[in-house]
């Protein structure tokens, strides 16, 4: 019959055949081919080294930073850099190159590389080009344009006077939850950054930016994005509260913040930066205490004394 003839056709194989085990073959295949967890520990491939740093970069000065009326004429994604913005980007690139060419003891390293994630907006793409001028081609492993790193959506073309009113309402309502008409709130940005964070963690775990045969612990990730987006990224990564987020200040144009691996392998802001720098950014004493813990903790550990996960949520404990 038609159905049985299809099933018996040599062109169709069952799922066992698709693994190369069917059609009369004995099941004497190597178990490790399908069950790597059964390999002896000495044979299991070691995981790729984590990138040493995740460097967050805000775009250089843009036309919208010096003239807000630009947003009434030009779509936000097409706002470009000013001449100073290009200088900002190139100076940032030089700072990054100087940083990544050193190890944790400020000794020079030879095998450092950089991999970029970038927002698709014109000002961030131009910043990427300016930053990239500091590097030889051999040092750049790759670039990924990532739409989830885009600026907060303020609602297409912006009426200047109306935006002033909306920003005043946002100040009274709260910076995190206020949604601009036809646009986004910071909470909306948080949702898409959550998806990007999971992609980034997966990329780190599988070593996507580590070329075969060229694994190096001196890989550095550079995320070129926008002020609010980067603050939300840090909030999501370190599980900061809404109140903590609303106390943060914006990055300078062409400014950067460095998340660097500590002794246990987690990323801490206190490896590269000092407490005074982070206080100026808006970190509280509780946030700094957690960053100190991050310097020695291992991936997967939880800081039970941190206010975002510990008993400090409950005031009746005193």
Protein backbone atom coordinates (compact mmCIF):
# COMPACT_ATOMS: atom_id res chain seq x y z
CA UNK A 1 0.00 0.00 0.00
CA UNK A 2 1.09 3.61 -0.52
CA UNK A 3 1.89 4.31 3.13
CA UNK A 4 3.88 1.09 3.61
CA UNK A 5 5.80 1.63 0.36
CA UNK A 6 6.88 5.06 1.60
CA UNK A 7 8.03 3.63 4.90
CA UNK A 8 10.02 0.91 3.18
CA UNK A 9 11.61 3.21 0.63
CA UNK A 10 15.42 3.42 0.99
CA UNK A 11 15.14 7.17 0.65
CA UNK A 12 13.49 7.39 4.09
CA UNK A 13 15.28 6.43 7.26
CA UNK A 14 14.11 6.31 10.83
CA UNK A 15 15.65 8.55 13.46
CA UNK A 16 17.99 5.72 14.46
CA UNK A 17 19.26 5.49 10.88
CA UNK A 18 19.85 9.24 10.83
CA UNK A 19 22.40 8.71 13.57
CA UNK A 20 24.14 6.06 11.52
CA UNK A 21 23.05 3.12 13.66
CA UNK A 22 20.22 1.43 11.80
CA UNK A 23 19.76 -0.81 8.78
CA UNK A 24 21.38 -3.91 10.19
CA UNK A 25 24.35 -2.26 11.89
CA UNK A 26 25.32 -3.45 15.31
CA UNK A 27 24.91 -0.94 18.12
CA UNK A 28 28.61 -0.81 18.85
CA UNK A 29 29.02 2.90 18.17
CA UNK A 30 31.22 4.98 20.45
CA UNK A 31 29.00 6.18 23.34
CA UNK A 32 30.91 9.44 23.63
CA UNK A 33 29.73 10.45 20.16
CA UNK A 34 26.19 10.91 21.48
CA UNK A 35 26.74 11.05 25.25
CA UNK A 36 29.79 13.25 25.93
CA UNK A 37 29.02 13.14 29.65
CA UNK A 38 30.16 9.46 29.58
CA UNK A 39 33.65 10.43 28.49
CA UNK A 40 36.41 10.09 31.09
CA UNK A 41 36.98 13.43 32.75
CA UNK A 42 40.45 13.65 31.23
CA UNK A 43 38.92 13.46 27.74
CA UNK A 44 36.03 15.94 28.17
CA UNK A 45 36.95 19.17 26.32
CA UNK A 46 37.58 22.05 28.67
CA UNK A 47 35.15 24.98 28.37
CA UNK A 48 36.44 28.03 26.51
CA UNK A 49 37.95 30.71 28.74
CA UNK A 50 35.60 33.54 29.66
CA UNK A 51 36.39 36.90 28.07
CA UNK A 52 38.54 38.90 30.47
CA UNK A 53 36.44 42.05 30.13
CA UNK A 54 33.05 43.30 28.99
CA UNK A 55 33.58 46.96 28.11
CA UNK A 56 30.48 49.17 27.85
CA UNK A 57 30.87 52.19 25.56
CA UNK A 58 28.42 55.04 25.04
CA UNK A 59 28.46 56.64 21.59
CA UNK A 60 30.38 59.87 21.02
CA UNK A 61 28.72 63.27 21.01
CA UNK A 62 25.87 63.23 18.50
CA UNK A 63 24.02 65.93 16.60
CA UNK A 64 21.09 65.38 18.96
CA UNK A 65 23.28 65.95 22.02
CA UNK A 66 24.08 69.50 20.89
CA UNK A 67 20.80 70.37 19.17
CA UNK A 68 17.63 68.66 20.39
CA UNK A 69 15.69 70.10 17.43
CA UNK A 70 17.55 67.56 15.26
CA UNK A 71 15.08 64.94 16.49
CA UNK A 72 12.22 66.90 14.90
CA UNK A 73 13.83 66.63 11.45
CA UNK A 74 15.87 63.43 11.46
CA UNK A 75 14.74 59.95 12.59
CA UNK A 76 16.52 59.01 15.81
CA UNK A 77 18.29 56.01 14.22
CA UNK A 78 19.86 58.36 11.62
CA UNK A 79 21.31 60.91 14.03
CA UNK A 80 25.07 60.96 13.43
CA UNK A 81 28.16 62.07 15.33
CA UNK A 82 29.51 65.60 15.47
CA UNK A 83 33.20 66.27 14.74
CA UNK A 84 33.77 66.13 18.50
CA UNK A 85 31.86 62.85 18.60
CA UNK A 86 34.34 61.31 16.16
CA UNK A 87 37.16 62.53 18.38
CA UNK A 88 35.37 61.01 21.39
CA UNK A 89 35.17 57.66 19.61
CA UNK A 90 38.80 57.60 18.53
CA UNK A 91 40.00 58.59 22.01
CA UNK A 92 37.85 55.83 23.51
CA UNK A 93 39.40 53.31 21.10
CA UNK A 94 42.88 54.29 22.22
CA UNK A 95 41.90 53.87 25.89
CA UNK A 96 40.46 50.43 25.17
CA UNK A 97 43.57 49.33 23.28
CA UNK A 98 45.79 50.46 26.14
CA UNK A 99 43.60 48.61 28.64
CA UNK A 100 43.24 45.27 26.84
CA UNK A 101 46.93 44.98 26.04
CA UNK A 102 47.63 44.48 29.75
CA UNK A 103 46.90 41.54 32.05
CA UNK A 104 45.62 41.72 35.62
CA UNK A 105 49.07 42.65 36.89
CA UNK A 106 49.49 45.43 34.30
CA UNK A 107 51.96 43.30 32.39
CA UNK A 108 51.85 43.35 28.61
CA UNK A 109 50.10 40.47 26.81
CA UNK A 110 50.49 39.39 23.18
CA UNK A 111 47.36 37.37 22.47
CA UNK A 112 44.63 39.92 23.23
CA UNK A 113 41.62 40.27 20.92
CA UNK A 114 38.40 42.29 20.79
CA UNK A 115 34.88 41.40 19.67
CA UNK A 116 32.18 44.06 19.24
CA UNK A 117 28.41 44.16 19.75
CA UNK A 118 26.88 47.38 18.42
CA UNK A 119 23.51 49.11 18.25
CA UNK A 120 22.33 49.64 14.64
CA UNK A 121 21.85 53.41 15.09
CA UNK A 122 24.05 55.65 12.96
CA UNK A 123 25.78 57.32 15.93
CA UNK A 124 26.76 53.98 17.46
CA UNK A 125 27.93 52.54 14.12
CA UNK A 126 30.05 55.66 13.58
CA UNK A 127 31.39 55.34 17.12
CA UNK A 128 32.34 51.75 16.35
CA UNK A 129 34.25 52.92 13.29
CA UNK A 130 36.06 55.56 15.32
CA UNK A 131 36.90 53.10 18.10
CA UNK A 132 38.07 50.55 15.52
CA UNK A 133 40.73 52.89 14.17
CA UNK A 134 42.81 52.07 17.25
CA UNK A 135 43.13 48.38 16.29
CA UNK A 136 44.94 46.35 13.67
CA UNK A 137 42.70 44.04 11.69
CA UNK A 138 44.29 40.97 13.31
CA UNK A 139 43.09 42.12 16.73
CA UNK A 140 39.38 42.35 15.81
CA UNK A 141 37.74 38.92 15.92
CA UNK A 142 34.33 40.10 14.75
CA UNK A 143 31.36 42.44 15.04
CA UNK A 144 27.69 41.74 15.58
CA UNK A 145 25.03 44.37 14.95
CA UNK A 146 22.46 43.85 17.70
CA UNK A 147 19.09 45.66 17.42
CA UNK A 148 18.26 44.92 21.06
CA UNK A 149 21.04 47.34 22.02
CA UNK A 150 19.24 50.27 20.35
CA UNK A 151 18.29 53.50 22.12
CA UNK A 152 15.10 53.80 24.11
CA UNK A 153 12.30 54.58 21.64
CA UNK A 154 10.91 58.06 22.30
CA UNK A 155 8.12 57.85 19.72
CA UNK A 156 9.41 58.50 16.19
CA UNK A 157 9.81 62.17 15.17
CA UNK A 158 9.88 64.26 18.35
CA UNK A 159 8.09 67.52 18.93
CA UNK A 160 10.56 69.58 20.93
CA UNK A 161 8.09 71.30 23.24
CA UNK A 162 6.06 68.16 23.74
CA UNK A 163 9.20 66.22 24.69
CA UNK A 164 10.01 68.79 27.37
CA UNK A 165 6.56 68.21 28.86
CA UNK A 166 6.93 64.43 28.64
CA UNK A 167 10.34 64.46 30.34
CA UNK A 168 8.93 66.54 33.19
CA UNK A 169 6.09 64.04 33.56
CA UNK A 170 8.67 61.23 33.54
CA UNK A 171 10.59 62.94 36.33
CA UNK A 172 7.45 62.96 38.49
CA UNK A 173 6.26 59.50 37.45
CA UNK A 174 9.61 57.69 37.70
CA UNK A 175 12.34 57.18 35.10
CA UNK A 176 12.02 53.42 34.95
CA UNK A 177 8.29 52.90 34.41
CA UNK A 178 7.27 55.99 32.45
CA UNK A 179 6.48 55.09 28.83
CA UNK A 180 6.70 57.81 26.19
CA UNK A 181 3.64 58.05 23.90
CA UNK A 182 4.18 55.67 20.95
CA UNK A 183 7.53 54.80 22.49
CA UNK A 184 9.13 52.80 25.28
CA UNK A 185 9.76 52.96 29.00
CA UNK A 186 13.04 51.90 30.56
CA UNK A 187 11.11 48.82 31.72
CA UNK A 188 10.48 47.97 28.04
CA UNK A 189 14.20 48.34 27.36
CA UNK A 190 14.84 46.02 30.33
CA UNK A 191 12.74 43.31 28.68
CA UNK A 192 14.69 43.33 25.42
CA UNK A 193 18.02 43.65 27.23
CA UNK A 194 17.08 40.51 29.16
CA UNK A 195 16.93 38.65 25.84
CA UNK A 196 20.26 40.09 24.76
CA UNK A 197 21.86 39.13 28.06
CA UNK A 198 20.84 35.51 27.56
CA UNK A 199 22.33 35.57 24.05
CA UNK A 200 25.53 37.09 25.42
CA UNK A 201 25.82 34.50 28.18
CA UNK A 202 25.31 31.70 25.66
CA UNK A 203 27.98 33.22 23.41
CA UNK A 204 30.36 33.35 26.38
CA UNK A 205 29.61 29.76 27.43
CA UNK A 206 30.23 28.28 23.97
CA UNK A 207 33.11 30.63 23.14
CA UNK A 208 31.50 31.92 19.97
CA UNK A 209 34.15 34.61 19.55
CA UNK A 210 37.03 32.23 20.25
CA UNK A 211 38.29 31.05 16.81
CA UNK A 212 39.04 27.29 16.63
CA UNK A 213 42.57 26.62 17.79
CA UNK A 214 43.02 30.22 18.95
CA UNK A 215 41.40 30.26 22.37
CA UNK A 216 42.73 33.02 24.57
CA UNK A 217 41.86 34.22 28.07
CA UNK A 218 42.63 37.72 26.83
CA UNK A 219 39.46 38.07 24.74
CA UNK A 220 37.57 41.32 25.36
CA UNK A 221 33.96 42.11 24.49
CA UNK A 222 33.04 45.71 23.65
CA UNK A 223 29.37 46.76 23.66
CA UNK A 224 28.77 50.06 21.83
CA UNK A 225 25.35 51.40 22.73
CA UNK A 226 23.42 54.26 24.37
CA UNK A 227 23.39 55.76 27.85
CA UNK A 228 20.08 54.44 29.17
CA UNK A 229 20.47 51.09 27.42
CA UNK A 230 23.85 50.53 29.06
CA UNK A 231 22.49 51.46 32.50
CA UNK A 232 19.66 49.00 32.00
CA UNK A 233 22.18 46.35 30.90
CA UNK A 234 24.10 46.81 34.16
CA UNK A 235 20.86 46.74 36.14
CA UNK A 236 19.88 43.45 34.52
CA UNK A 237 23.33 41.88 34.81
CA UNK A 238 23.81 42.70 38.50
CA UNK A 239 20.11 42.41 39.43
CA UNK A 240 19.91 45.97 40.72
CA UNK A 241 16.55 47.22 41.94
CA UNK A 242 14.43 49.89 40.27
CA UNK A 243 15.38 52.33 43.03
CA UNK A 244 19.07 51.61 42.46
CA UNK A 245 18.67 52.10 38.71
CA UNK A 246 16.98 55.46 39.16
CA UNK A 247 19.97 56.67 41.17
CA UNK A 248 22.45 56.04 38.33
CA UNK A 249 23.95 58.82 36.22
CA UNK A 250 24.43 58.69 32.48
CA UNK A 251 27.68 57.74 30.79
CA UNK A 252 29.65 60.60 29.23
CA UNK A 253 29.71 60.64 25.42
CA UNK A 254 32.54 58.33 24.44
CA UNK A 255 32.74 57.15 28.04
CA UNK A 256 33.17 53.55 29.07
CA UNK A 257 32.64 51.29 32.06
CA UNK A 258 34.61 48.06 32.45
CA UNK A 259 33.31 44.77 33.83
CA UNK A 260 36.40 42.64 34.46
CA UNK A 261 36.84 39.12 35.77
CA UNK A 262 37.96 38.81 39.36
CA UNK A 263 39.71 35.97 41.14
CA UNK A 264 36.71 33.64 40.97
CA UNK A 265 35.77 34.34 37.36
CA UNK A 266 32.79 36.66 37.83
CA UNK A 267 32.66 40.17 36.39
CA UNK A 268 33.06 43.05 38.82
CA UNK A 269 33.17 46.80 38.27
CA UNK A 270 35.65 47.12 41.15
CA UNK A 271 38.45 45.25 39.37
CA UNK A 272 39.15 48.15 36.98
CA UNK A 273 37.33 51.06 38.65
CA UNK A 274 37.69 52.41 42.17
CA UNK A 275 34.93 53.16 44.66
CA UNK A 276 34.97 56.92 44.04
CA UNK A 277 34.44 56.46 40.29
CA UNK A 278 31.53 54.12 40.90
CA UNK A 279 29.98 56.41 43.51
CA UNK A 280 30.08 59.22 40.94
CA UNK A 281 28.24 56.88 38.55
CA UNK A 282 25.59 56.36 41.21
CA UNK A 283 26.47 53.15 43.04
CA UNK A 284 25.43 53.08 46.70
CA UNK A 285 27.41 51.52 49.55
CA UNK A 286 25.28 48.38 49.30
CA UNK A 287 25.99 48.11 45.56
CA UNK A 288 29.71 48.61 46.17
CA UNK A 289 29.69 45.89 48.83
CA UNK A 290 28.17 43.52 46.29
CA UNK A 291 30.77 44.50 43.69
CA UNK A 292 33.48 43.68 46.24
CA UNK A 293 31.91 40.23 46.63
CA UNK A 294 31.78 39.85 42.84
CA UNK A 295 35.59 40.24 42.73
CA UNK A 296 36.18 36.87 44.40
CA UNK A 297 32.97 34.90 43.76
CA UNK A 298 32.61 32.17 41.18
CA UNK A 299 29.98 31.94 38.39
CA UNK A 300 26.79 30.38 39.72
CA UNK A 301 27.27 31.54 43.31
CA UNK A 302 24.71 33.78 44.97
CA UNK A 303 25.42 36.59 47.40
CA UNK A 304 22.89 35.90 50.12
CA UNK A 305 23.84 39.07 51.97
CA UNK A 306 23.04 41.34 49.02
CA UNK A 307 19.92 43.46 49.39
CA UNK A 308 18.57 42.13 46.09
CA UNK A 309 18.54 38.53 47.33
CA UNK A 310 18.99 38.51 51.11
CA UNK A 311 16.94 39.17 54.24
CA UNK A 312 17.39 42.96 54.03
CA UNK A 313 14.10 43.01 52.10
CA UNK A 314 12.28 42.50 55.42
CA UNK A 315 12.53 45.51 57.73
CA UNK A 316 11.05 43.64 60.71
CA UNK A 317 14.37 41.79 61.10
CA UNK A 318 15.87 45.05 62.30
